[in-house]
Amino acid sequence: MKILLFTFGWLSFLLGVIGVFVPLLPTTPFIILAAWCFSKSSKKFHDWLLNLPYMGPAVKNWYDYKVISLKAKIIATVLIILAMAYVGIYSVVAIYVKAIMLTVCSSVLTYIWLQKSNIRRGVNMEFRARHILVENKHEAEDIIRHLNDGKEFSELASKFSKCPSGQMGGDLGNFRLGQMVAPFEEAVKGLEVGQVSQPVQTQFGYHIIERLDVN
């Protein structure tokens, strides 16, 4: 399965790159899909994609806030309109092909402009995470070693977590700022979706936290 996801991730990434030069292909959704595939198949390439200067920030904004920046919307709109004008004026393709392209372009533009443009950093921001709670740092470091060896987070949570959420694989569901203790929230805010924290100490013990996508 990981090989399939890895292959599909690269295919999506290449389509996203092509979309930079071919406005009919929406770049951001393909790059987001590639990041998701890599998060499930290759941490190395997932981190590499998130740190790319032009694509990484868009993926991070989407992961964290479901946002497409206003600048990206304007650039995409200009390029798509230019492409539509070129096809409509200079292309010799059949009318029905032009009609299909117009429909596709209009759908892409509608999708882009329906997404949020600004990041809302208020208390209404929602997060989702799962965690494993243990009594001391040594136990937490052992859990991280198990995760690095390929053990399933949910399995380790069920086996070792002192929190009742362990029976649900450690999943805490959705929460807003102010609902968790401060060190826990700060750790979650600093994680990318799918990323696991180092041990985080609170008054309850030591947490290993994985940030999840919001439902």
N, C-alpha and C. Protein backbone atom coordinates (compact mmCIF):
# COMPACT_ATOMS: atom_id res chain seq x y z
N MET A 1 0.83 -1.21 0.00
CA MET A 1 0.00 0.00 0.00
C MET A 1 0.86 1.26 0.00
N LYS A 2 1.96 1.24 0.80
CA LYS A 2 2.83 2.41 0.86
C LYS A 2 3.46 2.71 -0.50
N ILE A 3 3.82 1.66 -1.24
CA ILE A 3 4.41 1.85 -2.57
C ILE A 3 3.39 2.51 -3.50
N LEU A 4 2.14 2.06 -3.42
CA LEU A 4 1.08 2.63 -4.26
C LEU A 4 0.85 4.10 -3.91
N LEU A 5 0.79 4.40 -2.62
CA LEU A 5 0.59 5.79 -2.19
C LEU A 5 1.78 6.66 -2.58
N PHE A 6 2.98 6.10 -2.46
CA PHE A 6 4.19 6.85 -2.83
C PHE A 6 4.17 7.18 -4.32
N THR A 7 3.80 6.18 -5.13
CA THR A 7 3.73 6.39 -6.59
C THR A 7 2.66 7.41 -6.94
N PHE A 8 1.50 7.28 -6.31
CA PHE A 8 0.40 8.22 -6.57
C PHE A 8 0.77 9.63 -6.09
N GLY A 9 1.55 9.70 -5.01
CA GLY A 9 2.00 10.99 -4.52
C GLY A 9 2.88 11.70 -5.53
N TRP A 10 3.80 10.98 -6.15
CA TRP A 10 4.66 11.59 -7.16
C TRP A 10 3.88 11.98 -8.41
N LEU A 11 2.89 11.15 -8.78
CA LEU A 11 2.05 11.49 -9.92
C LEU A 11 1.28 12.79 -9.65
N SER A 12 0.72 12.90 -8.46
CA SER A 12 -0.01 14.12 -8.10
C SER A 12 0.92 15.32 -8.07
N PHE A 13 2.12 15.13 -7.55
CA PHE A 13 3.09 16.23 -7.50
C PHE A 13 3.44 16.71 -8.91
N LEU A 14 3.68 15.77 -9.82
CA LEU A 14 4.02 16.14 -11.20
C LEU A 14 2.86 16.87 -11.88
N LEU A 15 1.64 16.41 -11.62
CA LEU A 15 0.47 17.11 -12.17
C LEU A 15 0.37 18.52 -11.60
N GLY A 16 0.71 18.66 -10.33
CA GLY A 16 0.71 19.99 -9.72
C GLY A 16 1.74 20.90 -10.34
N VAL A 17 2.93 20.37 -10.62
CA VAL A 17 3.99 21.15 -11.27
C VAL A 17 3.55 21.56 -12.67
N ILE A 18 2.96 20.63 -13.40
CA ILE A 18 2.46 20.95 -14.74
C ILE A 18 1.40 22.05 -14.65
N GLY A 19 0.60 21.98 -13.57
CA GLY A 19 -0.45 22.98 -13.39
C GLY A 19 0.07 24.39 -13.22
N VAL A 20 1.33 24.53 -12.80
CA VAL A 20 1.93 25.86 -12.70
C VAL A 20 2.00 26.51 -14.08
N PHE A 21 2.20 25.69 -15.11
CA PHE A 21 2.38 26.20 -16.47
C PHE A 21 1.13 26.01 -17.34
N VAL A 22 0.24 25.13 -16.90
CA VAL A 22 -0.99 24.87 -17.66
C VAL A 22 -2.17 25.20 -16.76
N PRO A 23 -2.74 26.38 -16.89
CA PRO A 23 -3.78 26.85 -15.97
C PRO A 23 -5.01 25.95 -15.87
N LEU A 24 -5.23 25.10 -16.86
CA LEU A 24 -6.38 24.22 -16.78
C LEU A 24 -6.25 23.18 -15.68
N LEU A 25 -5.02 22.95 -15.21
CA LEU A 25 -4.80 22.03 -14.10
C LEU A 25 -4.67 22.83 -12.81
N PRO A 26 -5.54 22.59 -11.82
CA PRO A 26 -5.44 23.31 -10.55
C PRO A 26 -4.26 22.78 -9.72
N THR A 27 -3.24 23.59 -9.53
CA THR A 27 -2.02 23.15 -8.87
C THR A 27 -2.23 22.75 -7.41
N THR A 28 -2.86 23.62 -6.65
CA THR A 28 -2.94 23.42 -5.20
C THR A 28 -3.58 22.09 -4.80
N PRO A 29 -4.73 21.70 -5.36
CA PRO A 29 -5.31 20.41 -4.96
C PRO A 29 -4.38 19.23 -5.21
N PHE A 30 -3.66 19.23 -6.34
CA PHE A 30 -2.74 18.13 -6.62
C PHE A 30 -1.59 18.10 -5.63
N ILE A 31 -1.06 19.27 -5.27
CA ILE A 31 0.04 19.33 -4.31
C ILE A 31 -0.44 18.88 -2.93
N ILE A 32 -1.65 19.29 -2.56
CA ILE A 32 -2.21 18.85 -1.28
C ILE A 32 -2.39 17.33 -1.27
N LEU A 33 -2.88 16.78 -2.37
CA LEU A 33 -3.04 15.33 -2.49
C LEU A 33 -1.70 14.63 -2.40
N ALA A 34 -0.68 15.20 -3.05
CA ALA A 34 0.66 14.61 -2.99
C ALA A 34 1.18 14.60 -1.56
N ALA A 35 0.96 15.70 -0.84
CA ALA A 35 1.42 15.78 0.55
C ALA A 35 0.74 14.71 1.41
N TRP A 36 -0.56 14.50 1.17
CA TRP A 36 -1.28 13.48 1.94
C TRP A 36 -0.73 12.09 1.64
N CYS A 37 -0.48 11.81 0.36
CA CYS A 37 0.07 10.50 -0.01
C CYS A 37 1.44 10.27 0.61
N PHE A 38 2.28 11.31 0.57
CA PHE A 38 3.62 11.18 1.17
C PHE A 38 3.53 11.03 2.68
N SER A 39 2.53 11.68 3.32
CA SER A 39 2.40 11.57 4.77
C SER A 39 2.10 10.14 5.19
N LYS A 40 1.49 9.37 4.27
CA LYS A 40 1.15 7.98 4.56
C LYS A 40 2.21 6.99 4.07
N SER A 41 3.17 7.48 3.26
CA SER A 41 4.11 6.54 2.64
C SER A 41 5.58 6.89 2.83
N SER A 42 5.90 8.18 3.00
CA SER A 42 7.31 8.57 3.12
C SER A 42 7.44 9.89 3.88
N LYS A 43 7.85 9.80 5.14
CA LYS A 43 8.02 11.01 5.95
C LYS A 43 9.08 11.93 5.32
N LYS A 44 10.11 11.33 4.75
CA LYS A 44 11.19 12.10 4.14
C LYS A 44 10.66 13.02 3.04
N PHE A 45 9.86 12.47 2.11
CA PHE A 45 9.36 13.28 1.00
C PHE A 45 8.22 14.19 1.45
N HIS A 46 7.48 13.78 2.47
CA HIS A 46 6.44 14.65 3.02
C HIS A 46 7.07 15.93 3.58
N ASP A 47 8.13 15.76 4.39
CA ASP A 47 8.81 16.93 4.95
C ASP A 47 9.47 17.77 3.87
N TRP A 48 10.01 17.09 2.85
CA TRP A 48 10.65 17.81 1.72
C TRP A 48 9.63 18.69 1.00
N LEU A 49 8.44 18.14 0.77
CA LEU A 49 7.40 18.89 0.07
C LEU A 49 6.95 20.09 0.90
N LEU A 50 6.80 19.90 2.20
CA LEU A 50 6.36 20.99 3.07
C LEU A 50 7.37 22.12 3.14
N ASN A 51 8.64 21.81 2.85
CA ASN A 51 9.68 22.83 2.94
C ASN A 51 10.05 23.44 1.59
N LEU A 52 9.34 23.06 0.52
CA LEU A 52 9.59 23.70 -0.77
C LEU A 52 9.16 25.17 -0.69
N PRO A 53 9.96 26.08 -1.24
CA PRO A 53 9.68 27.51 -1.06
C PRO A 53 8.37 27.99 -1.65
N TYR A 54 7.91 27.41 -2.78
CA TYR A 54 6.71 27.91 -3.44
C TYR A 54 5.48 27.07 -3.14
N MET A 55 5.67 25.78 -2.89
CA MET A 55 4.53 24.89 -2.69
C MET A 55 4.28 24.59 -1.22
N GLY A 56 5.32 24.55 -0.43
CA GLY A 56 5.19 24.21 0.98
C GLY A 56 4.22 25.10 1.75
N PRO A 57 4.34 26.43 1.66
CA PRO A 57 3.43 27.30 2.41
C PRO A 57 1.96 27.09 2.07
N ALA A 58 1.67 26.85 0.79
CA ALA A 58 0.28 26.62 0.39
C ALA A 58 -0.27 25.35 1.05
N VAL A 59 0.57 24.31 1.09
CA VAL A 59 0.14 23.05 1.70
C VAL A 59 -0.05 23.24 3.21
N LYS A 60 0.88 23.97 3.85
CA LYS A 60 0.77 24.20 5.29
C LYS A 60 -0.50 24.99 5.62
N ASN A 61 -0.79 26.01 4.82
CA ASN A 61 -2.00 26.79 5.06
C ASN A 61 -3.25 25.94 4.90
N TRP A 62 -3.21 25.05 3.91
CA TRP A 62 -4.36 24.17 3.71
C TRP A 62 -4.48 23.17 4.86
N TYR A 63 -3.37 22.58 5.26
CA TYR A 63 -3.39 21.64 6.38
C TYR A 63 -3.94 22.31 7.65
N ASP A 64 -3.40 23.50 7.93
CA ASP A 64 -3.71 24.14 9.20
C ASP A 64 -5.05 24.85 9.21
N TYR A 65 -5.39 25.52 8.10
CA TYR A 65 -6.52 26.44 8.14
C TYR A 65 -7.50 26.30 6.98
N LYS A 66 -7.25 25.35 6.05
CA LYS A 66 -8.08 25.19 4.85
C LYS A 66 -8.17 26.52 4.09
N VAL A 67 -6.98 27.10 3.78
CA VAL A 67 -6.89 28.43 3.18
C VAL A 67 -6.14 28.37 1.86
N ILE A 68 -6.64 29.11 0.86
CA ILE A 68 -5.88 29.41 -0.37
C ILE A 68 -5.71 30.92 -0.37
N SER A 69 -4.47 31.38 -0.38
CA SER A 69 -4.22 32.81 -0.22
C SER A 69 -4.84 33.62 -1.35
N LEU A 70 -5.15 34.89 -1.05
CA LEU A 70 -5.73 35.79 -2.05
C LEU A 70 -4.79 35.95 -3.24
N LYS A 71 -3.49 36.03 -2.98
CA LYS A 71 -2.52 36.16 -4.05
C LYS A 71 -2.58 34.96 -4.99
N ALA A 72 -2.66 33.75 -4.41
CA ALA A 72 -2.74 32.54 -5.24
C ALA A 72 -4.03 32.51 -6.04
N LYS A 73 -5.12 32.99 -5.45
CA LYS A 73 -6.40 33.04 -6.17
C LYS A 73 -6.32 33.99 -7.36
N ILE A 74 -5.73 35.16 -7.15
CA ILE A 74 -5.65 36.15 -8.23
C ILE A 74 -4.77 35.64 -9.36
N ILE A 75 -3.61 35.07 -9.02
CA ILE A 75 -2.71 34.55 -10.05
C ILE A 75 -3.40 33.45 -10.85
N ALA A 76 -4.05 32.52 -10.14
CA ALA A 76 -4.74 31.42 -10.83
C ALA A 76 -5.85 31.95 -11.72
N THR A 77 -6.58 32.95 -11.25
CA THR A 77 -7.68 33.51 -12.03
C THR A 77 -7.18 34.18 -13.30
N VAL A 78 -6.12 34.98 -13.18
CA VAL A 78 -5.55 35.65 -14.35
C VAL A 78 -5.09 34.63 -15.39
N LEU A 79 -4.36 33.61 -14.92
CA LEU A 79 -3.83 32.60 -15.85
C LEU A 79 -4.96 31.82 -16.53
N ILE A 80 -5.98 31.48 -15.76
CA ILE A 80 -7.10 30.73 -16.34
C ILE A 80 -7.87 31.57 -17.35
N ILE A 81 -8.10 32.83 -17.03
CA ILE A 81 -8.81 33.71 -17.97
C ILE A 81 -8.01 33.89 -19.25
N LEU A 82 -6.69 34.05 -19.12
CA LEU A 82 -5.84 34.18 -20.31
C LEU A 82 -5.92 32.92 -21.16
N ALA A 83 -5.88 31.76 -20.49
CA ALA A 83 -5.97 30.50 -21.23
C ALA A 83 -7.32 30.37 -21.94
N MET A 84 -8.39 30.74 -21.25
CA MET A 84 -9.72 30.66 -21.85
C MET A 84 -9.83 31.61 -23.05
N ALA A 85 -9.26 32.81 -22.90
CA ALA A 85 -9.32 33.78 -24.00
C ALA A 85 -8.54 33.27 -25.21
N TYR A 86 -7.37 32.70 -24.95
CA TYR A 86 -6.54 32.19 -26.05
C TYR A 86 -7.28 31.08 -26.80
N VAL A 87 -7.85 30.14 -26.03
CA VAL A 87 -8.57 29.02 -26.66
C VAL A 87 -9.78 29.54 -27.43
N GLY A 88 -10.48 30.49 -26.84
CA GLY A 88 -11.69 30.99 -27.48
C GLY A 88 -11.43 31.78 -28.75
N ILE A 89 -10.31 32.53 -28.78
CA ILE A 89 -10.04 33.41 -29.92
C ILE A 89 -9.19 32.75 -30.99
N TYR A 90 -8.12 32.07 -30.57
CA TYR A 90 -7.13 31.58 -31.53
C TYR A 90 -7.22 30.08 -31.83
N SER A 91 -7.84 29.33 -30.94
CA SER A 91 -7.87 27.89 -31.14
C SER A 91 -8.86 27.51 -32.24
N VAL A 92 -8.50 26.42 -32.96
CA VAL A 92 -9.37 25.93 -34.04
C VAL A 92 -10.12 24.67 -33.62
N VAL A 93 -10.12 24.38 -32.34
CA VAL A 93 -10.81 23.17 -31.87
C VAL A 93 -12.31 23.37 -31.99
N ALA A 94 -13.03 22.26 -31.95
CA ALA A 94 -14.48 22.28 -32.12
C ALA A 94 -15.16 23.08 -31.00
N ILE A 95 -16.34 23.58 -31.30
CA ILE A 95 -17.10 24.39 -30.34
C ILE A 95 -17.38 23.62 -29.06
N TYR A 96 -17.71 22.33 -29.19
CA TYR A 96 -18.06 21.56 -27.99
C TYR A 96 -16.84 21.38 -27.09
N VAL A 97 -15.64 21.31 -27.70
CA VAL A 97 -14.41 21.22 -26.90
C VAL A 97 -14.19 22.52 -26.13
N LYS A 98 -14.42 23.65 -26.80
CA LYS A 98 -14.30 24.95 -26.13
C LYS A 98 -15.31 25.05 -24.99
N ALA A 99 -16.51 24.53 -25.23
CA ALA A 99 -17.55 24.58 -24.20
C ALA A 99 -17.14 23.76 -22.97
N ILE A 100 -16.55 22.58 -23.23
CA ILE A 100 -16.08 21.74 -22.12
C ILE A 100 -14.98 22.44 -21.33
N MET A 101 -14.03 23.04 -22.06
CA MET A 101 -12.93 23.74 -21.40
C MET A 101 -13.45 24.93 -20.59
N LEU A 102 -14.44 25.63 -21.13
CA LEU A 102 -15.03 26.75 -20.40
C LEU A 102 -15.70 26.27 -19.11
N THR A 103 -16.39 25.14 -19.19
CA THR A 103 -17.05 24.58 -18.01
C THR A 103 -16.03 24.18 -16.95
N VAL A 104 -14.95 23.52 -17.39
CA VAL A 104 -13.91 23.08 -16.46
C VAL A 104 -13.25 24.28 -15.79
N CYS A 105 -12.88 25.26 -16.60
CA CYS A 105 -12.23 26.46 -16.06
C CYS A 105 -13.13 27.19 -15.08
N SER A 106 -14.41 27.30 -15.43
CA SER A 106 -15.36 27.98 -14.55
C SER A 106 -15.51 27.23 -13.22
N SER A 107 -15.50 25.90 -13.28
CA SER A 107 -15.61 25.09 -12.07
C SER A 107 -14.39 25.27 -11.18
N VAL A 108 -13.21 25.29 -11.82
CA VAL A 108 -11.97 25.49 -11.06
C VAL A 108 -11.98 26.84 -10.36
N LEU A 109 -12.36 27.89 -11.12
CA LEU A 109 -12.40 29.23 -10.53
C LEU A 109 -13.41 29.31 -9.38
N THR A 110 -14.56 28.68 -9.58
CA THR A 110 -15.57 28.68 -8.51
C THR A 110 -15.03 28.02 -7.26
N TYR A 111 -14.38 26.87 -7.44
CA TYR A 111 -13.80 26.15 -6.30
C TYR A 111 -12.77 27.01 -5.57
N ILE A 112 -11.88 27.64 -6.34
CA ILE A 112 -10.82 28.45 -5.75
C ILE A 112 -11.39 29.59 -4.92
N TRP A 113 -12.38 30.30 -5.48
CA TRP A 113 -12.89 31.48 -4.80
C TRP A 113 -13.85 31.16 -3.66
N LEU A 114 -14.31 29.92 -3.59
CA LEU A 114 -15.15 29.52 -2.46
C LEU A 114 -14.32 29.20 -1.21
N GLN A 115 -13.00 29.00 -1.39
CA GLN A 115 -12.15 28.70 -0.25
C GLN A 115 -11.79 29.98 0.50
N LYS A 116 -11.49 29.84 1.79
CA LYS A 116 -11.11 30.99 2.60
C LYS A 116 -9.78 31.56 2.11
N SER A 117 -9.64 32.89 2.21
CA SER A 117 -8.41 33.56 1.81
C SER A 117 -7.54 33.95 2.99
N ASN A 118 -8.15 34.13 4.14
CA ASN A 118 -7.42 34.62 5.30
C ASN A 118 -7.41 33.59 6.41
N ILE A 119 -6.33 33.58 7.14
CA ILE A 119 -6.19 32.68 8.28
C ILE A 119 -6.82 33.35 9.51
N ARG A 120 -7.77 32.70 10.08
CA ARG A 120 -8.40 33.22 11.29
C ARG A 120 -7.71 32.61 12.50
N ARG A 121 -7.05 33.44 13.26
CA ARG A 121 -6.24 32.97 14.36
C ARG A 121 -6.93 33.12 15.72
N GLY A 122 -8.22 33.27 15.72
CA GLY A 122 -8.92 33.48 16.97
C GLY A 122 -9.20 32.19 17.70
N VAL A 123 -9.98 32.33 18.78
CA VAL A 123 -10.27 31.18 19.62
C VAL A 123 -11.17 30.16 18.93
N ASN A 124 -11.77 30.52 17.81
CA ASN A 124 -12.65 29.59 17.11
C ASN A 124 -11.92 28.60 16.24
N MET A 125 -10.60 28.72 16.12
CA MET A 125 -9.84 27.75 15.35
C MET A 125 -9.98 26.37 15.96
N GLU A 126 -10.21 25.37 15.13
CA GLU A 126 -10.35 24.01 15.62
C GLU A 126 -9.12 23.19 15.29
N PHE A 127 -8.79 22.29 16.21
CA PHE A 127 -7.69 21.36 16.02
C PHE A 127 -8.21 19.96 16.33
N ARG A 128 -7.45 18.99 15.88
CA ARG A 128 -7.75 17.61 16.24
C ARG A 128 -6.43 16.90 16.45
N ALA A 129 -6.38 16.07 17.48
CA ALA A 129 -5.13 15.37 17.77
C ALA A 129 -5.43 14.06 18.49
N ARG A 130 -4.45 13.20 18.51
CA ARG A 130 -4.49 12.04 19.38
C ARG A 130 -3.18 12.01 20.16
N HIS A 131 -3.21 11.37 21.31
CA HIS A 131 -2.00 11.40 22.14
C HIS A 131 -1.86 10.10 22.92
N ILE A 132 -0.67 9.91 23.42
CA ILE A 132 -0.36 8.82 24.35
C ILE A 132 0.19 9.47 25.61
N LEU A 133 -0.44 9.24 26.73
CA LEU A 133 -0.04 9.84 28.00
C LEU A 133 0.63 8.79 28.88
N VAL A 134 1.87 9.10 29.29
CA VAL A 134 2.61 8.21 30.19
C VAL A 134 3.14 9.03 31.37
N GLU A 135 3.69 8.33 32.37
CA GLU A 135 4.04 9.00 33.62
C GLU A 135 5.38 9.73 33.57
N ASN A 136 6.35 9.22 32.79
CA ASN A 136 7.66 9.85 32.81
C ASN A 136 8.27 9.94 31.42
N LYS A 137 9.31 10.73 31.31
CA LYS A 137 9.94 11.00 30.02
C LYS A 137 10.56 9.75 29.41
N HIS A 138 11.11 8.89 30.27
CA HIS A 138 11.72 7.66 29.77
C HIS A 138 10.70 6.81 29.03
N GLU A 139 9.50 6.67 29.61
CA GLU A 139 8.44 5.91 28.94
C GLU A 139 8.05 6.57 27.62
N ALA A 140 7.98 7.91 27.63
CA ALA A 140 7.61 8.63 26.40
C ALA A 140 8.63 8.40 25.30
N GLU A 141 9.90 8.42 25.64
CA GLU A 141 10.96 8.19 24.65
C GLU A 141 10.91 6.77 24.11
N ASP A 142 10.53 5.80 24.97
CA ASP A 142 10.36 4.42 24.50
C ASP A 142 9.22 4.33 23.49
N ILE A 143 8.12 5.07 23.75
CA ILE A 143 7.00 5.08 22.81
C ILE A 143 7.43 5.63 21.47
N ILE A 144 8.19 6.71 21.48
CA ILE A 144 8.66 7.32 20.23
C ILE A 144 9.54 6.34 19.46
N ARG A 145 10.37 5.61 20.17
CA ARG A 145 11.21 4.60 19.49
C ARG A 145 10.33 3.54 18.82
N HIS A 146 9.27 3.13 19.50
CA HIS A 146 8.35 2.15 18.91
C HIS A 146 7.69 2.73 17.64
N LEU A 147 7.30 4.00 17.70
CA LEU A 147 6.70 4.65 16.53
C LEU A 147 7.69 4.71 15.37
N ASN A 148 8.92 5.05 15.68
CA ASN A 148 9.96 5.12 14.64
C ASN A 148 10.25 3.75 14.03
N ASP A 149 9.96 2.71 14.80
CA ASP A 149 10.16 1.34 14.29
C ASP A 149 8.97 0.85 13.48
N GLY A 150 7.95 1.71 13.35
CA GLY A 150 6.81 1.36 12.52
C GLY A 150 5.58 0.88 13.25
N LYS A 151 5.58 0.95 14.58
CA LYS A 151 4.40 0.54 15.33
C LYS A 151 3.25 1.52 15.11
N GLU A 152 2.02 1.02 15.16
CA GLU A 152 0.84 1.87 14.96
C GLU A 152 0.58 2.72 16.20
N PHE A 153 0.29 4.00 15.97
CA PHE A 153 0.03 4.93 17.07
C PHE A 153 -1.14 4.45 17.91
N SER A 154 -2.24 4.07 17.25
CA SER A 154 -3.44 3.66 17.97
C SER A 154 -3.20 2.42 18.83
N GLU A 155 -2.39 1.50 18.31
CA GLU A 155 -2.08 0.29 19.06
C GLU A 155 -1.28 0.62 20.33
N LEU A 156 -0.30 1.52 20.18
CA LEU A 156 0.50 1.91 21.34
C LEU A 156 -0.33 2.69 22.35
N ALA A 157 -1.25 3.52 21.85
CA ALA A 157 -2.12 4.28 22.75
C ALA A 157 -3.00 3.34 23.57
N SER A 158 -3.57 2.36 22.91
CA SER A 158 -4.44 1.40 23.60
C SER A 158 -3.68 0.63 24.67
N LYS A 159 -2.40 0.38 24.40
CA LYS A 159 -1.61 -0.46 25.29
C LYS A 159 -0.98 0.32 26.45
N PHE A 160 -0.50 1.55 26.17
CA PHE A 160 0.32 2.24 27.15
C PHE A 160 -0.29 3.52 27.73
N SER A 161 -1.25 4.15 27.04
CA SER A 161 -1.72 5.47 27.47
C SER A 161 -2.50 5.39 28.79
N LYS A 162 -2.21 6.35 29.67
CA LYS A 162 -2.91 6.44 30.95
C LYS A 162 -4.20 7.26 30.83
N CYS A 163 -4.41 7.84 29.66
CA CYS A 163 -5.61 8.64 29.43
C CYS A 163 -6.75 7.73 28.94
N PRO A 164 -8.00 7.99 29.36
CA PRO A 164 -9.13 7.19 28.87
C PRO A 164 -9.23 7.16 27.35
N SER A 165 -8.70 8.20 26.68
CA SER A 165 -8.74 8.22 25.21
C SER A 165 -7.93 7.09 24.60
N GLY A 166 -7.07 6.46 25.39
CA GLY A 166 -6.28 5.34 24.87
C GLY A 166 -7.15 4.23 24.30
N GLN A 167 -8.35 4.06 24.87
CA GLN A 167 -9.26 3.03 24.36
C GLN A 167 -9.81 3.35 22.98
N MET A 168 -9.62 4.61 22.55
CA MET A 168 -10.03 5.04 21.20
C MET A 168 -8.80 5.35 20.35
N GLY A 169 -7.71 4.71 20.67
CA GLY A 169 -6.48 4.93 19.92
C GLY A 169 -5.82 6.26 20.24
N GLY A 170 -6.25 6.89 21.33
CA GLY A 170 -5.67 8.17 21.73
C GLY A 170 -6.36 9.38 21.12
N ASP A 171 -7.39 9.16 20.30
CA ASP A 171 -8.05 10.26 19.60
C ASP A 171 -8.83 11.13 20.57
N LEU A 172 -8.53 12.43 20.56
CA LEU A 172 -9.20 13.40 21.43
C LEU A 172 -10.32 14.14 20.72
N GLY A 173 -10.51 13.87 19.44
CA GLY A 173 -11.53 14.58 18.67
C GLY A 173 -11.13 16.01 18.40
N ASN A 174 -12.10 16.81 17.99
CA ASN A 174 -11.85 18.23 17.70
C ASN A 174 -11.89 19.05 18.99
N PHE A 175 -11.05 20.06 19.05
CA PHE A 175 -11.08 20.98 20.19
C PHE A 175 -10.62 22.35 19.74
N ARG A 176 -10.97 23.36 20.53
CA ARG A 176 -10.60 24.74 20.25
C ARG A 176 -9.58 25.22 21.26
N LEU A 177 -8.92 26.32 20.91
CA LEU A 177 -7.95 26.90 21.82
C LEU A 177 -8.62 27.26 23.13
N GLY A 178 -7.95 26.92 24.22
CA GLY A 178 -8.50 27.18 25.54
C GLY A 178 -9.12 25.96 26.19
N GLN A 179 -9.31 24.89 25.41
CA GLN A 179 -9.93 23.69 25.96
C GLN A 179 -8.91 22.70 26.49
N MET A 180 -7.66 22.84 26.09
CA MET A 180 -6.59 21.97 26.56
C MET A 180 -5.59 22.80 27.37
N VAL A 181 -4.76 22.13 28.14
CA VAL A 181 -3.73 22.86 28.90
C VAL A 181 -2.75 23.50 27.92
N ALA A 182 -2.15 24.62 28.33
CA ALA A 182 -1.34 25.44 27.44
C ALA A 182 -0.18 24.69 26.77
N PRO A 183 0.63 23.92 27.50
CA PRO A 183 1.75 23.23 26.82
C PRO A 183 1.28 22.27 25.72
N PHE A 184 0.13 21.62 25.97
CA PHE A 184 -0.42 20.70 24.97
C PHE A 184 -0.84 21.46 23.72
N GLU A 185 -1.56 22.59 23.91
CA GLU A 185 -2.02 23.38 22.77
C GLU A 185 -0.86 23.95 21.97
N GLU A 186 0.16 24.44 22.66
CA GLU A 186 1.31 24.99 21.97
C GLU A 186 2.00 23.93 21.13
N ALA A 187 2.07 22.72 21.66
CA ALA A 187 2.70 21.63 20.90
C ALA A 187 1.89 21.29 19.66
N VAL A 188 0.55 21.23 19.81
CA VAL A 188 -0.31 20.90 18.66
C VAL A 188 -0.19 21.97 17.58
N LYS A 189 -0.19 23.25 17.98
CA LYS A 189 -0.10 24.34 17.01
C LYS A 189 1.20 24.29 16.23
N GLY A 190 2.25 23.75 16.83
CA GLY A 190 3.55 23.69 16.16
C GLY A 190 3.74 22.48 15.26
N LEU A 191 2.75 21.59 15.21
CA LEU A 191 2.85 20.38 14.40
C LEU A 191 2.13 20.54 13.08
N GLU A 192 2.64 19.86 12.05
CA GLU A 192 1.91 19.69 10.81
C GLU A 192 0.96 18.50 10.96
N VAL A 193 -0.07 18.45 10.12
CA VAL A 193 -0.97 17.31 10.14
C VAL A 193 -0.19 16.04 9.83
N GLY A 194 -0.34 15.04 10.68
CA GLY A 194 0.38 13.78 10.51
C GLY A 194 1.72 13.73 11.24
N GLN A 195 2.16 14.85 11.78
CA GLN A 195 3.45 14.91 12.47
C GLN A 195 3.27 14.54 13.94
N VAL A 196 4.28 13.85 14.50
CA VAL A 196 4.25 13.42 15.89
C VAL A 196 5.26 14.24 16.69
N SER A 197 4.87 14.65 17.88
CA SER A 197 5.71 15.51 18.71
C SER A 197 6.76 14.70 19.46
N GLN A 198 7.73 15.42 19.99
CA GLN A 198 8.59 14.88 21.02
C GLN A 198 7.80 14.91 22.33
N PRO A 199 8.31 14.29 23.42
CA PRO A 199 7.55 14.29 24.68
C PRO A 199 7.21 15.70 25.15
N VAL A 200 5.95 15.90 25.50
CA VAL A 200 5.46 17.20 25.98
C VAL A 200 4.98 17.01 27.42
N GLN A 201 5.57 17.78 28.32
CA GLN A 201 5.22 17.64 29.74
C GLN A 201 4.09 18.58 30.14
N THR A 202 3.11 18.04 30.83
CA THR A 202 2.06 18.85 31.46
C THR A 202 1.91 18.33 32.90
N GLN A 203 0.96 18.88 33.62
CA GLN A 203 0.75 18.42 34.99
C GLN A 203 0.21 17.00 35.06
N PHE A 204 -0.23 16.46 33.90
CA PHE A 204 -0.78 15.11 33.87
C PHE A 204 0.28 14.05 33.59
N GLY A 205 1.42 14.47 33.08
CA GLY A 205 2.47 13.53 32.72
C GLY A 205 3.15 13.96 31.43
N TYR A 206 3.58 12.98 30.64
CA TYR A 206 4.25 13.25 29.37
C TYR A 206 3.38 12.75 28.22
N HIS A 207 3.18 13.62 27.23
CA HIS A 207 2.33 13.31 26.09
C HIS A 207 3.18 13.12 24.84
N ILE A 208 2.83 12.12 24.02
CA ILE A 208 3.29 12.04 22.64
C ILE A 208 2.07 12.37 21.80
N ILE A 209 2.16 13.43 21.02
CA ILE A 209 0.98 13.97 20.33
C ILE A 209 1.13 13.83 18.82
N GLU A 210 0.09 13.39 18.17
CA GLU A 210 0.03 13.42 16.71
C GLU A 210 -1.11 14.33 16.30
N ARG A 211 -0.80 15.33 15.48
CA ARG A 211 -1.85 16.21 14.98
C ARG A 211 -2.59 15.54 13.84
N LEU A 212 -3.91 15.61 13.87
CA LEU A 212 -4.76 15.03 12.85
C LEU A 212 -5.50 16.12 12.10
N ASP A 213 -6.02 15.79 10.94
CA ASP A 213 -6.83 16.74 10.19
C ASP A 213 -8.18 16.90 10.87
N VAL A 214 -8.74 18.10 10.80
CA VAL A 214 -10.01 18.38 11.45
C VAL A 214 -11.13 17.67 10.68
N ASN A 215 -12.04 17.08 11.38
CA ASN A 215 -13.18 16.40 10.72
C ASN A 215 -14.06 17.39 10.00
